[in-house]
PDB file of N, CA and C in Angstrom:
ATOM      1  N   MET A   1     180.604  58.703 110.868  1.00  0.00           N
ATOM      2  CA  MET A   1     180.568  56.958 111.185  1.00  0.00           C
ATOM      3  C   MET A   1     179.894  56.372 109.759  1.00  0.00           C
ATOM      4  N   VAL A   2     180.239  56.030 109.466  1.00  0.00           N
ATOM      5  CA  VAL A   2     180.323  54.781 108.546  1.00  0.00           C
ATOM      6  C   VAL A   2     179.963  53.133 108.211  1.00  0.00           C
ATOM      7  N   GLU A   3     178.652  52.345 108.759  1.00  0.00           N
ATOM      8  CA  GLU A   3     178.405  51.244 109.156  1.00  0.00           C
ATOM      9  C   GLU A   3     177.604  50.374 107.613  1.00  0.00           C
ATOM     10  N   LYS A   4     178.185  49.354 108.261  1.00  0.00           N
ATOM     11  CA  LYS A   4     177.862  48.187 106.757  1.00  0.00           C
ATOM     12  C   LYS A   4     176.599  48.332 107.123  1.00  0.00           C
ATOM     13  N   TYR A   5     175.709  48.394 106.244  1.00  0.00           N
ATOM     14  CA  TYR A   5     173.976  47.618 107.187  1.00  0.00           C
ATOM     15  C   TYR A   5     173.930  46.584 105.678  1.00  0.00           C
ATOM     16  N   LYS A   6     172.812  46.649 107.155  1.00  0.00           N
ATOM     17  CA  LYS A   6     171.629  45.571 105.557  1.00  0.00           C
ATOM     18  C   LYS A   6     170.757  46.108 105.239  1.00  0.00           C
ATOM     19  N   VAL A   7     170.134  45.380 104.058  1.00  0.00           N
ATOM     20  CA  VAL A   7     169.123  46.405 103.461  1.00  0.00           C
ATOM     21  C   VAL A   7     168.530  44.778 103.259  1.00  0.00           C
ATOM     22  N   ILE A   8     167.149  45.688 103.332  1.00  0.00           N
ATOM     23  CA  ILE A   8     166.626  44.758 103.350  1.00  0.00           C
ATOM     24  C   ILE A   8     165.063  44.515 102.359  1.00  0.00           C
ATOM     25  N   THR A   9     164.129  44.651 101.845  1.00  0.00           N
ATOM     26  CA  THR A   9     163.763  44.813 101.205  1.00  0.00           C
ATOM     27  C   THR A   9     161.731  44.096 101.845  1.00  0.00           C
ATOM     28  N   LEU A  10     160.633  44.870 101.540  1.00  0.00           N
ATOM     29  CA  LEU A  10     159.419  44.050 102.232  1.00  0.00           C
ATOM     30  C   LEU A  10     158.510  43.799 100.683  1.00  0.00           C
ATOM     31  N   CYS A  11     157.465  42.895 100.977  1.00  0.00           N
ATOM     32  CA  CYS A  11     157.029  42.338  99.564  1.00  0.00           C
ATOM     33  C   CYS A  11     155.839  42.163 101.412  1.00  0.00           C
ATOM     34  N   GLY A  12     154.792  41.734  99.964  1.00  0.00           N
ATOM     35  CA  GLY A  12     153.171  41.824 100.704  1.00  0.00           C
ATOM     36  C   GLY A  12     152.515  42.392 100.954  1.00  0.00           C
ATOM     37  N   SER A  13     151.115  42.211 100.540  1.00  0.00           N
ATOM     38  CA  SER A  13     150.109  42.394  99.452  1.00  0.00           C
ATOM     39  C   SER A  13     150.096  44.030 100.093  1.00  0.00           C
ATOM     40  N   THR A  14     149.706  44.493  99.773  1.00  0.00           N
ATOM     41  CA  THR A  14     149.389  46.268  99.757  1.00  0.00           C
ATOM     42  C   THR A  14     148.684  46.412 100.880  1.00  0.00           C
ATOM     43  N   LYS A  15     147.374  45.245 101.108  1.00  0.00           N
ATOM     44  CA  LYS A  15     146.012  45.901 101.603  1.00  0.00           C
ATOM     45  C   LYS A  15     146.460  45.702 103.307  1.00  0.00           C
ATOM     46  N   PHE A  16     147.943  45.417 103.055  1.00  0.00           N
ATOM     47  CA  PHE A  16     148.190  45.678 104.777  1.00  0.00           C
ATOM     48  C   PHE A  16     148.908  45.940 105.307  1.00  0.00           C
ATOM     49  N   LYS A  17     148.650  47.533 104.496  1.00  0.00           N
ATOM     50  CA  LYS A  17     149.760  49.124 104.772  1.00  0.00           C
ATOM     51  C   LYS A  17     149.812  49.307 106.375  1.00  0.00           C
ATOM     52  N   THR A  18     149.324  49.103 107.200  1.00  0.00           N
ATOM     53  CA  THR A  18     149.656  49.522 108.892  1.00  0.00           C
ATOM     54  C   THR A  18     150.919  48.228 109.211  1.00  0.00           C
ATOM     55  N   GLU A  19     150.755  46.876 108.725  1.00  0.00           N
ATOM     56  CA  GLU A  19     151.358  46.544 109.072  1.00  0.00           C
ATOM     57  C   GLU A  19     153.326  46.458 108.595  1.00  0.00           C
ATOM     58  N   PHE A  20     152.867  46.930 107.328  1.00  0.00           N
ATOM     59  CA  PHE A  20     154.091  47.133 106.449  1.00  0.00           C
ATOM     60  C   PHE A  20     155.183  48.789 107.548  1.00  0.00           C
ATOM     61  N   LEU A  21     154.318  50.003 107.405  1.00  0.00           N
ATOM     62  CA  LEU A  21     154.906  49.888 108.355  1.00  0.00           C
ATOM     63  C   LEU A  21     155.829  50.080 109.850  1.00  0.00           C
ATOM     64  N   GLN A  22     154.751  49.559 110.346  1.00  0.00           N
ATOM     65  CA  GLN A  22     155.120  48.892 111.544  1.00  0.00           C
ATOM     66  C   GLN A  22     156.062  48.584 111.184  1.00  0.00           C
ATOM     67  N   VAL A  23     156.261  47.238 110.265  1.00  0.00           N
ATOM     68  CA  VAL A  23     157.476  46.820 110.525  1.00  0.00           C
ATOM     69  C   VAL A  23     158.507  47.149 109.792  1.00  0.00           C
ATOM     70  N   GLN A  24     159.185  48.337 108.757  1.00  0.00           N
ATOM     71  CA  GLN A  24     160.090  49.676 108.261  1.00  0.00           C
ATOM     72  C   GLN A  24     160.709  50.154 109.866  1.00  0.00           C
ATOM     73  N   LYS A  25     159.810  50.828 109.944  1.00  0.00           N
ATOM     74  CA  LYS A  25     159.929  51.593 111.796  1.00  0.00           C
ATOM     75  C   LYS A  25     161.000  50.664 112.488  1.00  0.00           C
ATOM     76  N   GLU A  26     159.955  49.288 112.690  1.00  0.00           N
ATOM     77  CA  GLU A  26     161.612  48.511 113.387  1.00  0.00           C
ATOM     78  C   GLU A  26     162.692  47.459 112.590  1.00  0.00           C
ATOM     79  N   LEU A  27     162.532  47.706 111.626  1.00  0.00           N
ATOM     80  CA  LEU A  27     163.749  46.803 111.163  1.00  0.00           C
ATOM     81  C   LEU A  27     164.470  48.496 110.845  1.00  0.00           C
ATOM     82  N   THR A  28     164.602  49.530 110.332  1.00  0.00           N
ATOM     83  CA  THR A  28     164.562  50.528 110.660  1.00  0.00           C
ATOM     84  C   THR A  28     165.555  51.260 112.075  1.00  0.00           C
ATOM     85  N   LEU A  29     164.695  51.150 112.705  1.00  0.00           N
ATOM     86  CA  LEU A  29     164.967  51.725 113.905  1.00  0.00           C
ATOM     87  C   LEU A  29     165.958  49.885 114.497  1.00  0.00           C
ATOM     88  N   LYS A  30     166.689  49.127 114.332  1.00  0.00           N
ATOM     89  CA  LYS A  30     167.340  48.050 114.886  1.00  0.00           C
ATOM     90  C   LYS A  30     168.622  48.208 113.184  1.00  0.00           C
ATOM     91  N   GLY A  31     168.593  49.705 113.014  1.00  0.00           N
ATOM     92  CA  GLY A  31     169.434  49.810 111.788  1.00  0.00           C
ATOM     93  C   GLY A  31     170.216  48.874 110.374  1.00  0.00           C
ATOM     94  N   ASN A  32     168.735  48.929 110.031  1.00  0.00           N
ATOM     95  CA  ASN A  32     168.070  48.080 108.992  1.00  0.00           C
ATOM     96  C   ASN A  32     167.807  49.094 107.462  1.00  0.00           C
ATOM     97  N   ILE A  33     168.557  49.305 106.591  1.00  0.00           N
ATOM     98  CA  ILE A  33     168.172  50.012 105.484  1.00  0.00           C
ATOM     99  C   ILE A  33     166.984  49.433 104.777  1.00  0.00           C
ATOM    100  N   VAL A  34     165.176  49.739 104.971  1.00  0.00           N
ATOM    101  CA  VAL A  34     164.441  48.748 104.607  1.00  0.00           C
ATOM    102  C   VAL A  34     164.290  49.094 102.933  1.00  0.00           C
ATOM    103  N   ILE A  35     163.421  48.211 101.877  1.00  0.00           N
ATOM    104  CA  ILE A  35     163.066  48.944 100.874  1.00  0.00           C
ATOM    105  C   ILE A  35     161.627  49.273 100.971  1.00  0.00           C
ATOM    106  N   SER A  36     160.940  49.863 100.343  1.00  0.00           N
ATOM    107  CA  SER A  36     159.339  49.614 101.189  1.00  0.00           C
ATOM    108  C   SER A  36     158.078  49.749  99.564  1.00  0.00           C
ATOM    109  N   VAL A  37     157.186  48.951  99.415  1.00  0.00           N
ATOM    110  CA  VAL A  37     156.538  49.311  98.337  1.00  0.00           C
ATOM    111  C   VAL A  37     156.528  50.799  98.214  1.00  0.00           C
ATOM    112  N   GLY A  38     155.763  51.115  96.318  1.00  0.00           N
ATOM    113  CA  GLY A  38     155.909  52.517  96.143  1.00  0.00           C
ATOM    114  C   GLY A  38     154.409  53.709  96.596  1.00  0.00           C
ATOM    115  N   LEU A  39     153.595  52.515  96.166  1.00  0.00           N
ATOM    116  CA  LEU A  39     152.682  52.703  97.215  1.00  0.00           C
ATOM    117  C   LEU A  39     151.324  51.659  98.127  1.00  0.00           C
ATOM    118  N   PHE A  40     150.611  51.960  98.159  1.00  0.00           N
ATOM    119  CA  PHE A  40     149.446  50.664  98.899  1.00  0.00           C
ATOM    120  C   PHE A  40     148.312  50.024  98.265  1.00  0.00           C
ATOM    121  N   GLY A  41     147.685  49.856  97.089  1.00  0.00           N
ATOM    122  CA  GLY A  41     147.077  49.517  95.896  1.00  0.00           C
ATOM    123  C   GLY A  41     145.714  49.717  96.933  1.00  0.00           C
ATOM    124  N   HIS A  42     145.790  48.599  97.059  1.00  0.00           N
ATOM    125  CA  HIS A  42     144.398  47.992  97.763  1.00  0.00           C
ATOM    126  C   HIS A  42     143.836  49.288  99.203  1.00  0.00           C
ATOM    127  N   ALA A  43     145.274  49.181  99.722  1.00  0.00           N
ATOM    128  CA  ALA A  43     144.733  49.710 101.383  1.00  0.00           C
ATOM    129  C   ALA A  43     144.308  51.511 100.788  1.00  0.00           C
ATOM    130  N   ASP A  44     144.783  51.991 100.159  1.00  0.00           N
ATOM    131  CA  ASP A  44     144.544  53.042  99.239  1.00  0.00           C
ATOM    132  C   ASP A  44     143.757  53.869  99.107  1.00  0.00           C
ATOM    133  N   GLY A  45     142.959  52.194  98.062  1.00  0.00           N
ATOM    134  CA  GLY A  45     142.158  51.963  96.633  1.00  0.00           C
ATOM    135  C   GLY A  45     142.598  52.475  95.771  1.00  0.00           C
ATOM    136  N   ASP A  46     143.519  52.643  95.602  1.00  0.00           N
ATOM    137  CA  ASP A  46     144.083  52.853  94.157  1.00  0.00           C
ATOM    138  C   ASP A  46     144.311  52.117  92.777  1.00  0.00           C
ATOM    139  N   TYR A  47     143.357  50.770  92.947  1.00  0.00           N
ATOM    140  CA  TYR A  47     143.353  49.373  91.933  1.00  0.00           C
ATOM    141  C   TYR A  47     142.310  50.204  91.665  1.00  0.00           C
ATOM    142  N   GLU A  48     141.634  50.680  92.018  1.00  0.00           N
ATOM    143  CA  GLU A  48     139.782  51.125  90.871  1.00  0.00           C
ATOM    144  C   GLU A  48     140.487  52.743  89.854  1.00  0.00           C
ATOM    145  N   ASN A  49     140.520  53.161  90.673  1.00  0.00           N
ATOM    146  CA  ASN A  49     141.126  54.092  90.080  1.00  0.00           C
ATOM    147  C   ASN A  49     142.163  54.651  88.929  1.00  0.00           C
ATOM    148  N   ILE A  50     143.990  53.792  89.800  1.00  0.00           N
ATOM    149  CA  ILE A  50     144.450  54.405  88.296  1.00  0.00           C
ATOM    150  C   ILE A  50     145.410  52.695  88.746  1.00  0.00           C
ATOM    151  N   ILE A  51     145.371  51.835  89.091  1.00  0.00           N
ATOM    152  CA  ILE A  51     146.407  50.719  88.545  1.00  0.00           C
ATOM    153  C   ILE A  51     145.838  50.021  87.278  1.00  0.00           C
ATOM    154  N   THR A  52     146.859  50.720  86.528  1.00  0.00           N
ATOM    155  CA  THR A  52     146.250  49.134  84.908  1.00  0.00           C
ATOM    156  C   THR A  52     147.137  47.815  85.307  1.00  0.00           C
ATOM    157  N   THR A  53     146.486  47.504  83.499  1.00  0.00           N
ATOM    158  CA  THR A  53     147.297  45.611  83.631  1.00  0.00           C
ATOM    159  C   THR A  53     149.550  46.591  83.320  1.00  0.00           C
ATOM    160  N   ASP A  54     148.611  47.101  82.914  1.00  0.00           N
ATOM    161  CA  ASP A  54     150.840  47.888  82.115  1.00  0.00           C
ATOM    162  C   ASP A  54     151.162  48.603  83.791  1.00  0.00           C
ATOM    163  N   ILE A  55     150.839  49.329  84.469  1.00  0.00           N
ATOM    164  CA  ILE A  55     151.504  49.548  85.633  1.00  0.00           C
ATOM    165  C   ILE A  55     151.438  48.627  86.632  1.00  0.00           C
ATOM    166  N   LYS A  56     150.583  47.284  87.161  1.00  0.00           N
ATOM    167  CA  LYS A  56     150.573  46.756  87.860  1.00  0.00           C
ATOM    168  C   LYS A  56     152.567  45.808  87.156  1.00  0.00           C
ATOM    169  N   ILE A  57     151.688  45.929  86.007  1.00  0.00           N
ATOM    170  CA  ILE A  57     152.720  44.705  85.454  1.00  0.00           C
ATOM    171  C   ILE A  57     154.598  45.440  85.574  1.00  0.00           C
ATOM    172  N   MET A  58     154.809  46.648  85.461  1.00  0.00           N
ATOM    173  CA  MET A  58     155.780  47.624  85.787  1.00  0.00           C
ATOM    174  C   MET A  58     156.350  47.299  87.592  1.00  0.00           C
ATOM    175  N   LEU A  59     155.339  47.782  88.147  1.00  0.00           N
ATOM    176  CA  LEU A  59     155.138  47.966  89.366  1.00  0.00           C
ATOM    177  C   LEU A  59     156.313  46.163  89.799  1.00  0.00           C
ATOM    178  N   ASP A  60     155.162  45.214  89.735  1.00  0.00           N
ATOM    179  CA  ASP A  60     156.132  43.625  90.068  1.00  0.00           C
ATOM    180  C   ASP A  60     157.505  43.857  89.545  1.00  0.00           C
ATOM    181  N   ASP A  61     157.695  44.116  88.474  1.00  0.00           N
ATOM    182  CA  ASP A  61     158.798  44.596  87.565  1.00  0.00           C
ATOM    183  C   ASP A  61     160.082  44.950  88.804  1.00  0.00           C
ATOM    184  N   MET A  62     159.354  46.179  89.435  1.00  0.00           N
ATOM    185  CA  MET A  62     159.667  47.321  89.694  1.00  0.00           C
ATOM    186  C   MET A  62     160.384  47.204  91.199  1.00  0.00           C
ATOM    187  N   HIS A  63     159.616  46.408  91.873  1.00  0.00           N
ATOM    188  CA  HIS A  63     159.447  45.065  93.025  1.00  0.00           C
ATOM    189  C   HIS A  63     160.719  44.184  92.874  1.00  0.00           C
ATOM    190  N   LYS A  64     161.191  43.431  91.714  1.00  0.00           N
ATOM    191  CA  LYS A  64     161.721  42.463  91.646  1.00  0.00           C
ATOM    192  C   LYS A  64     163.416  43.310  92.165  1.00  0.00           C
ATOM    193  N   ARG A  65     163.484  44.334  91.521  1.00  0.00           N
ATOM    194  CA  ARG A  65     164.241  44.948  91.368  1.00  0.00           C
ATOM    195  C   ARG A  65     165.050  45.420  92.409  1.00  0.00           C
ATOM    196  N   LYS A  66     164.516  46.114  92.760  1.00  0.00           N
ATOM    197  CA  LYS A  66     163.989  46.070  94.752  1.00  0.00           C
ATOM    198  C   LYS A  66     164.888  45.464  95.581  1.00  0.00           C
ATOM    199  N   ILE A  67     164.493  43.715  94.942  1.00  0.00           N
ATOM    200  CA  ILE A  67     164.989  41.875  95.588  1.00  0.00           C
ATOM    201  C   ILE A  67     165.738  42.563  95.277  1.00  0.00           C
ATOM    202  N   ASP A  68     166.139  42.855  94.262  1.00  0.00           N
ATOM    203  CA  ASP A  68     168.087  42.342  93.611  1.00  0.00           C
ATOM    204  C   ASP A  68     168.349  43.437  94.563  1.00  0.00           C
ATOM    205  N   MET A  69     167.903  44.795  95.287  1.00  0.00           N
ATOM    206  CA  MET A  69     169.640  45.641  95.545  1.00  0.00           C
ATOM    207  C   MET A  69     169.458  45.463  97.669  1.00  0.00           C
ATOM    208  N   ALA A  70     169.190  44.213  97.636  1.00  0.00           N
ATOM    209  CA  ALA A  70     168.494  43.395  99.230  1.00  0.00           C
ATOM    210  C   ALA A  70     169.667  42.675  99.289  1.00  0.00           C
ATOM    211  N   ASP A  71     169.864  42.699 100.417  1.00  0.00           N
ATOM    212  CA  ASP A  71     170.134  41.521 101.328  1.00  0.00           C
ATOM    213  C   ASP A  71     169.418  40.150 101.280  1.00  0.00           C
ATOM    214  N   GLU A  72     168.646  40.827 101.856  1.00  0.00           N
ATOM    215  CA  GLU A  72     167.646  39.504 102.221  1.00  0.00           C
ATOM    216  C   GLU A  72     165.739  40.895 101.871  1.00  0.00           C
ATOM    217  N   ILE A  73     164.867  39.651 102.247  1.00  0.00           N
ATOM    218  CA  ILE A  73     163.440  39.883 101.856  1.00  0.00           C
ATOM    219  C   ILE A  73     163.175  39.540 103.272  1.00  0.00           C
ATOM    220  N   PHE A  74     161.989  41.184 103.179  1.00  0.00           N
ATOM    221  CA  PHE A  74     161.627  40.265 104.811  1.00  0.00           C
ATOM    222  C   PHE A  74     159.189  41.197 104.389  1.00  0.00           C
ATOM    223  N   VAL A  75     159.046  39.648 104.508  1.00  0.00           N
ATOM    224  CA  VAL A  75     157.386  39.234 103.972  1.00  0.00           C
ATOM    225  C   VAL A  75     156.656  39.406 104.462  1.00  0.00           C
ATOM    226  N   ILE A  76     155.766  40.551 104.541  1.00  0.00           N
ATOM    227  CA  ILE A  76     154.807  41.083 105.885  1.00  0.00           C
ATOM    228  C   ILE A  76     153.221  39.518 105.113  1.00  0.00           C
ATOM    229  N   ASN A  77     153.332  39.112 105.850  1.00  0.00           N
ATOM    230  CA  ASN A  77     152.148  37.927 106.092  1.00  0.00           C
ATOM    231  C   ASN A  77     150.944  37.532 106.678  1.00  0.00           C
ATOM    232  N   LYS A  78     150.261  38.660 106.699  1.00  0.00           N
ATOM    233  CA  LYS A  78     149.815  38.508 107.701  1.00  0.00           C
ATOM    234  C   LYS A  78     148.301  37.874 108.048  1.00  0.00           C
ATOM    235  N   GLY A  79     148.259  37.066 109.275  1.00  0.00           N
ATOM    236  CA  GLY A  79     146.753  36.166 109.113  1.00  0.00           C
ATOM    237  C   GLY A  79     147.367  34.673 107.786  1.00  0.00           C
ATOM    238  N   GLY A  80     148.926  34.841 107.331  1.00  0.00           N
ATOM    239  CA  GLY A  80     149.794  33.359 106.922  1.00  0.00           C
ATOM    240  C   GLY A  80     149.370  33.342 105.271  1.00  0.00           C
ATOM    241  N   TYR A  81     148.298  35.103 105.017  1.00  0.00           N
ATOM    242  CA  TYR A  81     148.380  35.207 103.578  1.00  0.00           C
ATOM    243  C   TYR A  81     149.820  35.767 102.494  1.00  0.00           C
ATOM    244  N   ILE A  82     149.332  34.707 101.557  1.00  0.00           N
ATOM    245  CA  ILE A  82     150.727  35.200 100.433  1.00  0.00           C
ATOM    246  C   ILE A  82     149.991  34.801  99.284  1.00  0.00           C
ATOM    247  N   GLY A  83     149.751  36.042  98.600  1.00  0.00           N
ATOM    248  CA  GLY A  83     148.620  36.744  97.249  1.00  0.00           C
ATOM    249  C   GLY A  83     150.299  35.766  96.370  1.00  0.00           C
ATOM    250  N   LYS A  84     149.200  36.200  94.962  1.00  0.00           N
ATOM    251  CA  LYS A  84     149.958  35.833  93.149  1.00  0.00           C
ATOM    252  C   LYS A  84     151.647  36.594  93.371  1.00  0.00           C
ATOM    253  N   SER A  85     151.582  37.563  93.682  1.00  0.00           N
ATOM    254  CA  SER A  85     152.631  38.064  93.370  1.00  0.00           C
ATOM    255  C   SER A  85     153.479  38.490  94.554  1.00  0.00           C
ATOM    256  N   THR A  86     153.318  37.941  95.884  1.00  0.00           N
ATOM    257  CA  THR A  86     154.096  38.040  96.878  1.00  0.00           C
ATOM    258  C   THR A  86     154.584  36.396  96.741  1.00  0.00           C
ATOM    259  N   LYS A  87     154.032  35.307  96.036  1.00  0.00           N
ATOM    260  CA  LYS A  87     154.382  34.559  96.024  1.00  0.00           C
ATOM    261  C   LYS A  87     155.588  34.440  94.482  1.00  0.00           C
ATOM    262  N   SER A  88     155.733  35.238  93.667  1.00  0.00           N
ATOM    263  CA  SER A  88     155.890  36.180  92.894  1.00  0.00           C
ATOM    264  C   SER A  88     157.416  35.834  93.841  1.00  0.00           C
ATOM    265  N   GLU A  89     157.408  37.213  94.433  1.00  0.00           N
ATOM    266  CA  GLU A  89     158.407  37.481  95.105  1.00  0.00           C
ATOM    267  C   GLU A  89     159.646  36.265  96.135  1.00  0.00           C
ATOM    268  N   ILE A  90     159.016  35.479  96.550  1.00  0.00           N
ATOM    269  CA  ILE A  90     159.602  34.879  97.464  1.00  0.00           C
ATOM    270  C   ILE A  90     160.232  33.803  96.508  1.00  0.00           C
ATOM    271  N   ASP A  91     159.467  33.768  95.551  1.00  0.00           N
ATOM    272  CA  ASP A  91     159.780  32.610  94.537  1.00  0.00           C
ATOM    273  C   ASP A  91     161.332  33.010  93.671  1.00  0.00           C
ATOM    274  N   TYR A  92     161.742  34.726  93.162  1.00  0.00           N
ATOM    275  CA  TYR A  92     162.827  34.913  92.871  1.00  0.00           C
ATOM    276  C   TYR A  92     163.748  35.466  93.943  1.00  0.00           C
ATOM    277  N   ALA A  93     163.564  35.620  95.101  1.00  0.00           N
ATOM    278  CA  ALA A  93     164.177  35.996  95.653  1.00  0.00           C
ATOM    279  C   ALA A  93     165.105  34.578  96.303  1.00  0.00           C
ATOM    280  N   ILE A  94     164.368  34.164  95.841  1.00  0.00           N
ATOM    281  CA  ILE A  94     165.194  32.058  96.695  1.00  0.00           C
ATOM    282  C   ILE A  94     166.065  31.645  95.525  1.00  0.00           C
ATOM    283  N   LYS A  95     165.276  32.067  94.233  1.00  0.00           N
ATOM    284  CA  LYS A  95     165.884  32.055  93.457  1.00  0.00           C
ATOM    285  C   LYS A  95     167.407  32.651  93.328  1.00  0.00           C
ATOM    286  N   ILE A  96     167.588  33.608  93.327  1.00  0.00           N
ATOM    287  CA  ILE A  96     168.791  34.706  93.365  1.00  0.00           C
ATOM    288  C   ILE A  96     168.996  34.295  94.186  1.00  0.00           C
ATOM    289  N   GLY A  97     169.461  33.336  95.421  1.00  0.00           N
ATOM    290  CA  GLY A  97     169.606  33.508  96.909  1.00  0.00           C
ATOM    291  C   GLY A  97     169.541  34.607  97.343  1.00  0.00           C
ATOM    292  N   LYS A  98     168.800  34.968  98.166  1.00  0.00           N
ATOM    293  CA  LYS A  98     168.225  36.072  98.668  1.00  0.00           C
ATOM    294  C   LYS A  98     168.269  35.238  99.622  1.00  0.00           C
ATOM    295  N   LYS A  99     168.488  35.923 101.211  1.00  0.00           N
ATOM    296  CA  LYS A  99     167.800  34.967 102.701  1.00  0.00           C
ATOM    297  C   LYS A  99     165.871  34.953 102.529  1.00  0.00           C
ATOM    298  N   VAL A 100     165.520  35.226 103.316  1.00  0.00           N
ATOM    299  CA  VAL A 100     163.695  35.028 103.251  1.00  0.00           C
ATOM    300  C   VAL A 100     162.894  35.259 104.957  1.00  0.00           C
ATOM    301  N   ASN A 101     162.930  36.357 105.063  1.00  0.00           N
ATOM    302  CA  ASN A 101     161.499  36.315 106.629  1.00  0.00           C
ATOM    303  C   ASN A 101     160.200  36.209 106.382  1.00  0.00           C
ATOM    304  N   TYR A 102     159.407  36.443 107.304  1.00  0.00           N
ATOM    305  CA  TYR A 102     158.146  36.654 107.742  1.00  0.00           C
ATOM    306  C   TYR A 102     157.845  37.015 108.318  1.00  0.00           C
ATOM    307  N   LEU A 103     157.506  37.531 108.572  1.00  0.00           N
ATOM    308  CA  LEU A 103     156.272  38.033 110.223  1.00  0.00           C
ATOM    309  C   LEU A 103     155.349  36.628 110.662  1.00  0.00           C
ATOM    310  N   GLU A 104     154.877  36.153 109.744  1.00  0.00           N
ATOM    311  CA  GLU A 104     154.093  34.978 110.680  1.00  0.00           C
ATOM    312  C   GLU A 104     154.311  34.018 109.976  1.00  0.00           C
TER     313      GLU A 104
END
């Protein structure tokens, strides 16, 4: 069975790890290919330990490449929160013509 699956990249603050995992599960079970973050820097406390300025720049650029691969993005905006990096990703997605959906 070969289908045409929609590809969705998740965007949002990595402090919302629980929400990312729940949305990833729900979207996958609906028949979507889901691309997510590589790590949860805020939720897992990695920002204090391993996230240097250069790594942050690299991760932000990698996430934009994930947006390039997607048909649309899904923003994890718990409580309406959208931080600077997420805002940049939304703006980029809109600029290149991707559909944007929101958790809230």
